Amino acid sequence: MVARFVPENTVVEFFEAAEVLSRDRDVVIVGSSGYGGELDEQVRALAQRNERVTWMGHVSDDRKLFSLWQNAGAYFHGHSVGGTKSGVGSGYGVPSTHRRPGHRVQPRGTR
């Protein structure tokens, strides 16, 4: 997951899903609120209690971020208002999901 930690980006829902996903796969979370606070504390606690969850915080290095996308098994993208479309992940060759109606998982190599 790559996101700015604000409620409309559905990060709380992803943190809940990450708890389940991490039972059998590694989960990497990129992002922060930018000012600390409850959402940063939630993801910090999630990563501390689960060795398969890595919280990288804010990543400003584009090469590192692109590498994360390129090497991801899936990219989760969710928000309830405007913003970047789910195709951003598929542009790097990873399946992506989007929480908005009408969007679906896009398998690797398809459009």
Protein backbone atom coordinates (compact mmCIF):
# COMPACT_ATOMS: atom_id res chain seq x y z
CA MET A 1 0.00 0.00 0.00
CA VAL A 2 1.18 3.49 -0.83
CA ALA A 3 -0.89 6.29 0.64
CA ARG A 4 -1.05 9.55 2.53
CA PHE A 5 -2.60 8.64 5.87
CA VAL A 6 -5.91 10.46 5.82
CA PRO A 7 -9.31 8.82 6.45
CA GLU A 8 -10.59 9.32 2.88
CA ASN A 9 -7.72 7.13 1.62
CA THR A 10 -9.28 4.18 3.51
CA VAL A 11 -6.02 3.42 5.31
CA VAL A 12 -7.77 2.06 8.40
CA GLU A 13 -9.53 -0.53 6.24
CA PHE A 14 -6.22 -1.46 4.65
CA PHE A 15 -4.54 -1.82 8.04
CA GLU A 16 -7.31 -4.25 8.99
CA ALA A 17 -6.81 -6.18 5.72
CA ALA A 18 -3.02 -6.16 6.21
CA GLU A 19 -3.50 -8.01 9.48
CA VAL A 20 -5.19 -10.85 7.57
CA LEU A 21 -2.95 -10.71 4.48
CA SER A 22 0.20 -10.93 6.58
CA ARG A 23 -0.75 -14.38 7.82
CA ASP A 24 0.77 -15.87 4.67
CA ARG A 25 2.56 -13.05 2.82
CA ASP A 26 4.74 -10.05 3.45
CA VAL A 27 3.02 -6.65 3.50
CA VAL A 28 4.84 -3.37 2.87
CA ILE A 29 3.13 -0.10 3.79
CA VAL A 30 4.49 3.19 2.42
CA GLY A 31 3.20 6.51 3.66
CA SER A 32 2.42 8.59 6.72
CA SER A 33 0.17 11.40 7.82
CA GLY A 34 3.10 13.80 7.65
CA TYR A 35 2.53 15.01 11.20
CA GLY A 36 2.32 11.89 13.36
CA GLY A 37 -0.92 11.01 15.05
CA GLU A 38 -3.37 8.15 15.42
CA LEU A 39 -2.97 6.56 11.96
CA ASP A 40 0.83 6.58 12.21
CA GLU A 41 0.54 4.98 15.65
CA GLN A 42 -1.84 2.31 14.31
CA VAL A 43 0.54 1.26 11.53
CA ARG A 44 3.55 1.43 13.86
CA ALA A 45 1.81 -0.94 16.29
CA LEU A 46 0.77 -3.24 13.42
CA ALA A 47 4.36 -3.50 12.19
CA GLN A 48 5.74 -4.01 15.71
CA ARG A 49 3.42 -6.91 16.50
CA ASN A 50 3.71 -8.59 13.09
CA GLU A 51 7.09 -9.47 11.59
CA ARG A 52 5.56 -9.83 8.09
CA VAL A 53 4.42 -6.18 8.05
CA THR A 54 6.97 -3.50 7.18
CA TRP A 55 6.13 0.18 7.52
CA MET A 56 8.53 2.31 5.49
CA GLY A 57 6.99 5.69 6.32
CA HIS A 58 7.20 8.39 3.67
CA VAL A 59 9.38 7.44 0.69
CA SER A 60 10.55 10.46 -1.30
CA ASP A 61 13.06 8.54 -3.44
CA ASP A 62 11.22 7.84 -6.72
CA ARG A 63 13.61 5.03 -7.69
CA LYS A 64 12.94 3.23 -4.42
CA LEU A 65 9.18 3.72 -4.77
CA PHE A 66 9.20 2.48 -8.40
CA SER A 67 11.25 -0.54 -7.30
CA LEU A 68 8.68 -1.35 -4.63
CA TRP A 69 5.89 -1.20 -7.21
CA GLN A 70 7.85 -3.26 -9.73
CA ASN A 71 8.59 -6.00 -7.21
CA ALA A 72 5.16 -6.11 -5.57
CA GLY A 73 2.87 -9.10 -5.91
CA ALA A 74 -0.12 -6.73 -5.74
CA TYR A 75 -0.78 -3.05 -5.17
CA PHE A 76 -3.71 -1.91 -3.06
CA HIS A 77 -5.13 1.49 -3.78
CA GLY A 78 -8.19 2.84 -2.05
CA HIS A 79 -9.89 6.12 -1.42
CA SER A 80 -13.41 7.45 -1.27
CA VAL A 81 -12.85 10.70 -3.18
CA GLY A 82 -10.98 11.66 -6.39
CA GLY A 83 -7.24 11.16 -6.69
CA THR A 84 -4.97 8.72 -8.48
CA LYS A 85 -6.71 5.90 -10.33
CA SER A 86 -6.00 2.23 -9.73
CA GLY A 87 -4.10 1.93 -13.02
CA VAL A 88 -1.06 3.51 -11.36
CA GLY A 89 -0.06 0.09 -10.02
CA SER A 90 -0.73 -1.74 -13.26
CA GLY A 91 1.53 0.78 -14.98
CA TYR A 92 4.36 -0.86 -13.06
CA GLY A 93 3.23 -4.37 -13.99
CA VAL A 94 1.52 -5.32 -10.73
CA PRO A 95 -2.09 -6.32 -10.14
CA SER A 96 -3.91 -3.47 -8.47
CA THR A 97 -7.15 -3.11 -6.60
CA HIS A 98 -9.30 -0.10 -6.07
CA ARG A 99 -12.16 0.25 -3.58
CA ARG A 100 -14.39 2.33 -5.88
CA PRO A 101 -17.26 0.60 -7.73
CA GLY A 102 -16.44 -0.39 -11.31
CA HIS A 103 -12.76 -1.01 -10.65
CA ARG A 104 -11.34 -4.51 -10.37
CA VAL A 105 -8.10 -6.38 -9.92
CA GLN A 106 -6.03 -6.06 -13.08
CA PRO A 107 -3.90 -9.20 -13.57
CA ARG A 108 -0.26 -8.74 -14.49
CA GLY A 109 0.18 -7.98 -18.21
CA THR A 110 -3.44 -7.00 -18.92
CA ARG A 111 -5.31 -3.74 -19.24
